Protein backbone atom coordinates (compact mmCIF):
# COMPACT_ATOMS: atom_id res chain seq x y z
CA UNK A 1 -16.41 1.77 -9.85
CA UNK A 2 -13.21 0.58 -11.90
CA UNK A 3 -10.12 0.00 -9.98
CA UNK A 4 -6.80 1.51 -11.20
CA UNK A 5 -4.49 -0.88 -9.98
CA UNK A 6 -0.58 0.19 -10.11
CA UNK A 7 2.46 -2.01 -9.42
CA UNK A 8 5.66 -0.28 -8.37
CA UNK A 9 8.88 -2.54 -8.82
CA UNK A 10 12.59 -1.77 -9.48
CA UNK A 11 16.09 -3.09 -9.63
CA UNK A 12 19.33 -2.76 -11.11
CA UNK A 13 19.72 -2.43 -14.63
CA UNK A 14 22.72 -3.70 -16.65
CA UNK A 15 23.07 -0.10 -18.59
CA UNK A 16 21.36 2.79 -17.12
CA UNK A 17 20.34 3.90 -20.96
CA UNK A 18 18.36 0.69 -21.24
CA UNK A 19 15.35 -1.02 -19.13
CA UNK A 20 17.21 -4.67 -18.89
CA UNK A 21 17.50 -5.99 -15.41
CA UNK A 22 20.66 -7.25 -14.18
CA UNK A 23 19.15 -10.20 -12.37
CA UNK A 24 15.53 -10.77 -12.46
CA UNK A 25 15.56 -12.81 -9.31
CA UNK A 26 16.46 -9.57 -7.41
CA UNK A 27 13.67 -7.40 -8.63
CA UNK A 28 12.38 -5.37 -5.71
CA UNK A 29 8.68 -5.72 -5.66
CA UNK A 30 7.48 -2.22 -3.65
CA UNK A 31 3.79 -3.25 -4.11
CA UNK A 32 0.34 -2.88 -5.68
CA UNK A 33 -1.43 0.38 -5.32
CA UNK A 34 -5.08 1.33 -5.87
CA UNK A 35 -4.47 4.72 -7.38
CA UNK A 36 -1.75 6.55 -9.34
CA UNK A 37 -1.12 8.89 -6.63
CA UNK A 38 -0.17 6.57 -4.05
CA UNK A 39 1.90 4.39 -6.50
CA UNK A 40 3.80 7.65 -7.45
CA UNK A 41 4.48 8.37 -3.93
CA UNK A 42 5.91 4.86 -3.29
CA UNK A 43 7.86 5.23 -6.57
CA UNK A 44 9.15 8.54 -5.53
CA UNK A 45 10.32 7.12 -2.09
CA UNK A 46 12.30 4.08 -3.29
CA UNK A 47 13.96 6.24 -6.24
CA UNK A 48 15.19 8.87 -3.76
CA UNK A 49 16.27 6.05 -1.52
CA UNK A 50 18.39 4.58 -4.05
CA UNK A 51 19.54 7.93 -5.99
CA UNK A 52 23.24 7.28 -5.42
CA UNK A 53 23.15 4.09 -7.54
CA UNK A 54 22.82 5.11 -11.45
CA UNK A 55 22.13 1.70 -12.44
CA UNK A 56 19.08 1.28 -9.93
CA UNK A 57 15.27 2.01 -11.40
CA UNK A 58 11.89 1.76 -10.07
CA UNK A 59 8.88 1.65 -12.34
CA UNK A 60 5.33 2.28 -11.86
CA UNK A 61 3.23 -0.49 -14.12
CA UNK A 62 -0.68 0.38 -14.86
CA UNK A 63 -1.84 -2.88 -14.07
CA UNK A 64 -5.50 -1.90 -14.96
CA UNK A 65 -4.30 -1.18 -18.67
CA UNK A 66 -3.71 -5.18 -18.79
CA UNK A 67 -7.34 -6.60 -18.33
CA UNK A 68 -10.32 -4.68 -19.19
CA UNK A 69 -13.23 -7.01 -18.76
CA UNK A 70 -15.67 -5.11 -21.00
CA UNK A 71 -13.04 -5.43 -24.12
CA UNK A 72 -13.27 -8.46 -26.08
CA UNK A 73 -10.85 -11.25 -25.43
CA UNK A 74 -7.55 -11.18 -27.70
CA UNK A 75 -7.18 -13.99 -30.13
CA UNK A 76 -4.48 -15.67 -28.06
CA UNK A 77 -6.80 -15.50 -24.90
CA UNK A 78 -9.35 -17.23 -26.81
CA UNK A 79 -7.04 -20.20 -27.44
CA UNK A 80 -7.01 -21.35 -24.01
CA UNK A 81 -4.77 -23.59 -22.04
C-alpha cells in the first residue's frame, strides 16, 4: 500500500498576494499526515486560528509526489553527492 504523506506548514507572508515568507526561520511546521483528509483538517484548524492576520497562510504539501520509488531517477539525482 502506497503512503500519501502530506506536510502542513505556514507562516507570515511579505505580501498576501504572493507566496513569499517574511522570515523562513519562523515557518510553523504543523506536522506530517498520512492522508489528505487529516492534513486538510489540520490546515483548516490553523487557517481558522490565524484568520485575523491577512498575511498569515498555511499550505498542504503533497510529499508523496516528491518521490516515486517506481519512477526512474532524474538526471540530477543520478549524479550523486
